PDB file of N, CA and C in Angstrom:
ATOM      1  N   MET A   1       0.837  -1.168   0.000  1.00  0.00           N
ATOM      2  CA  MET A   1       0.000   0.000   0.000  1.00  0.00           C
ATOM      3  C   MET A   1       0.883   1.232   0.000  1.00  0.00           C
ATOM      4  N   LEU A   2       0.778   2.001  -1.034  1.00  0.00           N
ATOM      5  CA  LEU A   2       1.549   3.234  -1.165  1.00  0.00           C
ATOM      6  C   LEU A   2       0.969   4.289  -0.222  1.00  0.00           C
ATOM      7  N   PRO A   3       1.806   4.981   0.533  1.00  0.00           N
ATOM      8  CA  PRO A   3       1.290   6.067   1.380  1.00  0.00           C
ATOM      9  C   PRO A   3       0.593   7.128   0.532  1.00  0.00           C
ATOM     10  N   VAL A   4      -0.423   7.734   1.085  1.00  0.00           N
ATOM     11  CA  VAL A   4      -1.204   8.727   0.355  1.00  0.00           C
ATOM     12  C   VAL A   4      -0.374   9.972   0.082  1.00  0.00           C
ATOM     13  N   ARG A   5       0.394  10.402   1.063  1.00  0.00           N
ATOM     14  CA  ARG A   5       1.179  11.630   0.943  1.00  0.00           C
ATOM     15  C   ARG A   5       2.666  11.349   1.125  1.00  0.00           C
ATOM     16  N   CYS A   6       3.475  12.229   0.558  1.00  0.00           N
ATOM     17  CA  CYS A   6       4.923  12.170   0.737  1.00  0.00           C
ATOM     18  C   CYS A   6       5.234  12.453   2.205  1.00  0.00           C
ATOM     19  N   PHE A   7       6.108  11.671   2.780  1.00  0.00           N
ATOM     20  CA  PHE A   7       6.452  11.849   4.191  1.00  0.00           C
ATOM     21  C   PHE A   7       7.160  13.177   4.447  1.00  0.00           C
ATOM     22  N   SER A   8       7.886  13.687   3.473  1.00  0.00           N
ATOM     23  CA  SER A   8       8.685  14.898   3.677  1.00  0.00           C
ATOM     24  C   SER A   8       7.913  16.184   3.426  1.00  0.00           C
ATOM     25  N   CYS A   9       7.258  16.278   2.272  1.00  0.00           N
ATOM     26  CA  CYS A   9       6.631  17.550   1.907  1.00  0.00           C
ATOM     27  C   CYS A   9       5.112  17.541   2.001  1.00  0.00           C
ATOM     28  N   GLY A  10       4.497  16.367   2.063  1.00  0.00           N
ATOM     29  CA  GLY A  10       3.050  16.295   2.210  1.00  0.00           C
ATOM     30  C   GLY A  10       2.271  16.293   0.915  1.00  0.00           C
ATOM     31  N   LYS A  11       2.940  16.290  -0.228  1.00  0.00           N
ATOM     32  CA  LYS A  11       2.236  16.269  -1.516  1.00  0.00           C
ATOM     33  C   LYS A  11       1.584  14.898  -1.716  1.00  0.00           C
ATOM     34  N   VAL A  12       0.398  14.891  -2.305  1.00  0.00           N
ATOM     35  CA  VAL A  12      -0.306  13.643  -2.586  1.00  0.00           C
ATOM     36  C   VAL A  12       0.436  12.905  -3.695  1.00  0.00           C
ATOM     37  N   VAL A  13       0.851  11.660  -3.425  1.00  0.00           N
ATOM     38  CA  VAL A  13       1.580  10.872  -4.419  1.00  0.00           C
ATOM     39  C   VAL A  13       0.843   9.590  -4.802  1.00  0.00           C
ATOM     40  N   SER A  14      -0.168   9.221  -4.058  1.00  0.00           N
ATOM     41  CA  SER A  14      -0.852   7.950  -4.329  1.00  0.00           C
ATOM     42  C   SER A  14      -1.671   7.987  -5.607  1.00  0.00           C
ATOM     43  N   ASN A  15      -2.027   9.172  -6.080  1.00  0.00           N
ATOM     44  CA  ASN A  15      -2.853   9.261  -7.274  1.00  0.00           C
ATOM     45  C   ASN A  15      -2.106   8.931  -8.556  1.00  0.00           C
ATOM     46  N   VAL A  16      -0.792   8.875  -8.544  1.00  0.00           N
ATOM     47  CA  VAL A  16      -0.021   8.588  -9.756  1.00  0.00           C
ATOM     48  C   VAL A  16       0.502   7.152  -9.791  1.00  0.00           C
ATOM     49  N   TRP A  17       0.304   6.388  -8.719  1.00  0.00           N
ATOM     50  CA  TRP A  17       0.906   5.063  -8.611  1.00  0.00           C
ATOM     51  C   TRP A  17       0.445   4.103  -9.703  1.00  0.00           C
ATOM     52  N   GLU A  18      -0.844   3.992  -9.942  1.00  0.00           N
ATOM     53  CA  GLU A  18      -1.364   3.027 -10.919  1.00  0.00           C
ATOM     54  C   GLU A  18      -0.852   3.324 -12.322  1.00  0.00           C
ATOM     55  N   GLU A  19      -0.914   4.594 -12.720  1.00  0.00           N
ATOM     56  CA  GLU A  19      -0.437   4.953 -14.062  1.00  0.00           C
ATOM     57  C   GLU A  19       1.066   4.742 -14.174  1.00  0.00           C
ATOM     58  N   TYR A  20       1.810   5.099 -13.129  1.00  0.00           N
ATOM     59  CA  TYR A  20       3.252   4.894 -13.124  1.00  0.00           C
ATOM     60  C   TYR A  20       3.584   3.409 -13.285  1.00  0.00           C
ATOM     61  N   LYS A  21       2.938   2.570 -12.501  1.00  0.00           N
ATOM     62  CA  LYS A  21       3.197   1.136 -12.539  1.00  0.00           C
ATOM     63  C   LYS A  21       2.879   0.555 -13.917  1.00  0.00           C
ATOM     64  N   GLN A  22       1.768   0.983 -14.505  1.00  0.00           N
ATOM     65  CA  GLN A  22       1.363   0.484 -15.816  1.00  0.00           C
ATOM     66  C   GLN A  22       2.352   0.913 -16.902  1.00  0.00           C
ATOM     67  N   ARG A  23       2.735   2.170 -16.902  1.00  0.00           N
ATOM     68  CA  ARG A  23       3.624   2.677 -17.951  1.00  0.00           C
ATOM     69  C   ARG A  23       5.025   2.092 -17.852  1.00  0.00           C
ATOM     70  N   VAL A  24       5.524   1.885 -16.641  1.00  0.00           N
ATOM     71  CA  VAL A  24       6.848   1.278 -16.469  1.00  0.00           C
ATOM     72  C   VAL A  24       6.806  -0.189 -16.894  1.00  0.00           C
ATOM     73  N   ALA A  25       5.696  -0.865 -16.617  1.00  0.00           N
ATOM     74  CA  ALA A  25       5.551  -2.262 -17.038  1.00  0.00           C
ATOM     75  C   ALA A  25       5.524  -2.384 -18.564  1.00  0.00           C
ATOM     76  N   GLU A  26       5.056  -1.346 -19.236  1.00  0.00           N
ATOM     77  CA  GLU A  26       5.022  -1.338 -20.700  1.00  0.00           C
ATOM     78  C   GLU A  26       6.385  -1.026 -21.307  1.00  0.00           C
ATOM     79  N   GLY A  27       7.354  -0.651 -20.474  1.00  0.00           N
ATOM     80  CA  GLY A  27       8.709  -0.451 -20.956  1.00  0.00           C
ATOM     81  C   GLY A  27       9.193   0.986 -21.000  1.00  0.00           C
ATOM     82  N   GLU A  28       8.401   1.930 -20.520  1.00  0.00           N
ATOM     83  CA  GLU A  28       8.844   3.327 -20.516  1.00  0.00           C
ATOM     84  C   GLU A  28       9.874   3.551 -19.412  1.00  0.00           C
ATOM     85  N   ASP A  29      10.687   4.580 -19.589  1.00  0.00           N
ATOM     86  CA  ASP A  29      11.698   4.944 -18.600  1.00  0.00           C
ATOM     87  C   ASP A  29      11.021   5.525 -17.364  1.00  0.00           C
ATOM     88  N   ALA A  30      11.414   5.056 -16.187  1.00  0.00           N
ATOM     89  CA  ALA A  30      10.782   5.486 -14.939  1.00  0.00           C
ATOM     90  C   ALA A  30      10.929   6.989 -14.708  1.00  0.00           C
ATOM     91  N   ALA A  31      12.093   7.535 -14.995  1.00  0.00           N
ATOM     92  CA  ALA A  31      12.315   8.972 -14.781  1.00  0.00           C
ATOM     93  C   ALA A  31      11.426   9.808 -15.700  1.00  0.00           C
ATOM     94  N   ALA A  32      11.284   9.374 -16.948  1.00  0.00           N
ATOM     95  CA  ALA A  32      10.443  10.100 -17.901  1.00  0.00           C
ATOM     96  C   ALA A  32       8.976  10.036 -17.494  1.00  0.00           C
ATOM     97  N   VAL A  33       8.544   8.905 -16.972  1.00  0.00           N
ATOM     98  CA  VAL A  33       7.155   8.759 -16.530  1.00  0.00           C
ATOM     99  C   VAL A  33       6.889   9.673 -15.348  1.00  0.00           C
ATOM    100  N   LEU A  34       7.804   9.703 -14.383  1.00  0.00           N
ATOM    101  CA  LEU A  34       7.614  10.581 -13.222  1.00  0.00           C
ATOM    102  C   LEU A  34       7.596  12.042 -13.634  1.00  0.00           C
ATOM    103  N   ASP A  35       8.455  12.434 -14.559  1.00  0.00           N
ATOM    104  CA  ASP A  35       8.442  13.806 -15.054  1.00  0.00           C
ATOM    105  C   ASP A  35       7.113  14.128 -15.718  1.00  0.00           C
ATOM    106  N   ASP A  36       6.614  13.203 -16.531  1.00  0.00           N
ATOM    107  CA  ASP A  36       5.357  13.401 -17.247  1.00  0.00           C
ATOM    108  C   ASP A  36       4.172  13.494 -16.283  1.00  0.00           C
ATOM    109  N   LEU A  37       4.221  12.758 -15.196  1.00  0.00           N
ATOM    110  CA  LEU A  37       3.139  12.768 -14.218  1.00  0.00           C
ATOM    111  C   LEU A  37       3.228  13.950 -13.257  1.00  0.00           C
ATOM    112  N   GLY A  38       4.291  14.726 -13.333  1.00  0.00           N
ATOM    113  CA  GLY A  38       4.427  15.912 -12.496  1.00  0.00           C
ATOM    114  C   GLY A  38       5.067  15.657 -11.141  1.00  0.00           C
ATOM    115  N   VAL A  39       5.727  14.525 -10.988  1.00  0.00           N
ATOM    116  CA  VAL A  39       6.420  14.219  -9.732  1.00  0.00           C
ATOM    117  C   VAL A  39       7.862  14.672  -9.907  1.00  0.00           C
ATOM    118  N   VAL A  40       8.151  15.901  -9.477  1.00  0.00           N
ATOM    119  CA  VAL A  40       9.469  16.483  -9.734  1.00  0.00           C
ATOM    120  C   VAL A  40      10.344  16.595  -8.491  1.00  0.00           C
ATOM    121  N   ARG A  41       9.740  16.632  -7.320  1.00  0.00           N
ATOM    122  CA  ARG A  41      10.542  16.729  -6.092  1.00  0.00           C
ATOM    123  C   ARG A  41      11.197  15.389  -5.794  1.00  0.00           C
ATOM    124  N   TYR A  42      12.445  15.440  -5.366  1.00  0.00           N
ATOM    125  CA  TYR A  42      13.163  14.191  -5.107  1.00  0.00           C
ATOM    126  C   TYR A  42      12.557  13.413  -3.959  1.00  0.00           C
ATOM    127  N   CYS A  43      11.947  14.094  -2.990  1.00  0.00           N
ATOM    128  CA  CYS A  43      11.337  13.371  -1.877  1.00  0.00           C
ATOM    129  C   CYS A  43      10.105  12.590  -2.348  1.00  0.00           C
ATOM    130  N   CYS A  44       9.341  13.159  -3.244  1.00  0.00           N
ATOM    131  CA  CYS A  44       8.159  12.475  -3.777  1.00  0.00           C
ATOM    132  C   CYS A  44       8.565  11.334  -4.703  1.00  0.00           C
ATOM    133  N   ARG A  45       9.605  11.551  -5.484  1.00  0.00           N
ATOM    134  CA  ARG A  45      10.099  10.493  -6.363  1.00  0.00           C
ATOM    135  C   ARG A  45      10.585   9.305  -5.542  1.00  0.00           C
ATOM    136  N   ARG A  46      11.210   9.597  -4.410  1.00  0.00           N
ATOM    137  CA  ARG A  46      11.677   8.544  -3.505  1.00  0.00           C
ATOM    138  C   ARG A  46      10.519   7.700  -3.020  1.00  0.00           C
ATOM    139  N   MET A  47       9.390   8.334  -2.711  1.00  0.00           N
ATOM    140  CA  MET A  47       8.224   7.603  -2.215  1.00  0.00           C
ATOM    141  C   MET A  47       7.744   6.583  -3.246  1.00  0.00           C
ATOM    142  N   ILE A  48       7.777   6.952  -4.505  1.00  0.00           N
ATOM    143  CA  ILE A  48       7.272   6.069  -5.554  1.00  0.00           C
ATOM    144  C   ILE A  48       8.320   5.044  -5.967  1.00  0.00           C
ATOM    145  N   LEU A  49       9.550   5.487  -6.154  1.00  0.00           N
ATOM    146  CA  LEU A  49      10.595   4.576  -6.626  1.00  0.00           C
ATOM    147  C   LEU A  49      10.964   3.513  -5.599  1.00  0.00           C
ATOM    148  N   SER A  50      10.875   3.827  -4.332  1.00  0.00           N
ATOM    149  CA  SER A  50      11.287   2.869  -3.305  1.00  0.00           C
ATOM    150  C   SER A  50      10.132   2.020  -2.780  1.00  0.00           C
ATOM    151  N   HIS A  51       8.949   2.218  -3.324  1.00  0.00           N
ATOM    152  CA  HIS A  51       7.779   1.471  -2.855  1.00  0.00           C
ATOM    153  C   HIS A  51       7.835   0.009  -3.292  1.00  0.00           C
ATOM    154  N   VAL A  52       7.529  -0.888  -2.359  1.00  0.00           N
ATOM    155  CA  VAL A  52       7.454  -2.322  -2.640  1.00  0.00           C
ATOM    156  C   VAL A  52       6.067  -2.790  -2.220  1.00  0.00           C
ATOM    157  N   GLU A  53       5.352  -3.422  -3.135  1.00  0.00           N
ATOM    158  CA  GLU A  53       4.002  -3.898  -2.814  1.00  0.00           C
ATOM    159  C   GLU A  53       4.086  -5.190  -2.022  1.00  0.00           C
ATOM    160  N   LEU A  54       3.696  -5.124  -0.759  1.00  0.00           N
ATOM    161  CA  LEU A  54       3.751  -6.289   0.118  1.00  0.00           C
ATOM    162  C   LEU A  54       2.372  -6.792   0.527  1.00  0.00           C
ATOM    163  N   VAL A  55       1.318  -6.162   0.041  1.00  0.00           N
ATOM    164  CA  VAL A  55      -0.027  -6.523   0.462  1.00  0.00           C
ATOM    165  C   VAL A  55      -0.332  -7.970   0.116  1.00  0.00           C
ATOM    166  N   ASP A  56      -0.044  -8.394  -1.097  1.00  0.00           N
ATOM    167  CA  ASP A  56      -0.340  -9.775  -1.504  1.00  0.00           C
ATOM    168  C   ASP A  56       0.523 -10.775  -0.745  1.00  0.00           C
ATOM    169  N   THR A  57       1.729 -10.379  -0.402  1.00  0.00           N
ATOM    170  CA  THR A  57       2.637 -11.264   0.330  1.00  0.00           C
ATOM    171  C   THR A  57       2.201 -11.439   1.784  1.00  0.00           C
ATOM    172  N   LEU A  58       1.754 -10.357   2.405  1.00  0.00           N
ATOM    173  CA  LEU A  58       1.404 -10.383   3.819  1.00  0.00           C
ATOM    174  C   LEU A  58      -0.047 -10.771   4.085  1.00  0.00           C
ATOM    175  N   ALA A  59      -0.916 -10.714   3.112  1.00  0.00           N
ATOM    176  CA  ALA A  59      -2.349 -10.990   3.304  1.00  0.00           C
ATOM    177  C   ALA A  59      -2.630 -12.375   3.889  1.00  0.00           C
ATOM    178  N   PRO A  60      -1.935 -13.433   3.496  1.00  0.00           N
ATOM    179  CA  PRO A  60      -2.249 -14.750   4.072  1.00  0.00           C
ATOM    180  C   PRO A  60      -1.976 -14.851   5.571  1.00  0.00           C
ATOM    181  N   TYR A  61      -1.183 -13.958   6.128  1.00  0.00           N
ATOM    182  CA  TYR A  61      -0.796 -14.045   7.533  1.00  0.00           C
ATOM    183  C   TYR A  61      -1.718 -13.271   8.462  1.00  0.00           C
ATOM    184  N   GLN A  62      -2.767 -12.688   7.958  1.00  0.00           N
ATOM    185  CA  GLN A  62      -3.671 -11.919   8.805  1.00  0.00           C
ATOM    186  C   GLN A  62      -4.728 -12.779   9.417  1.00  0.00           C
TER     187      GLN A  62
END
C-alpha cells in the first residue's frame, strides 16, 4: 500500500501510482514517466521509486 502523501513535503503521491506502474511495465523509462506525471521533487520520487508492494505477500498471515 503506497502512502497517500509524501512523508517529507506532504504532496499527494498515491494518485499517480497506478499509471506509473502500468507505464513502467510497458517499458517506458521510470524517470520520464515521473516527469510526465508531475512528480518532480526528489522526496516524492523517492516515495514512488522505493515502494514495494507487500499486500499480496502479507495478506495470508492476517
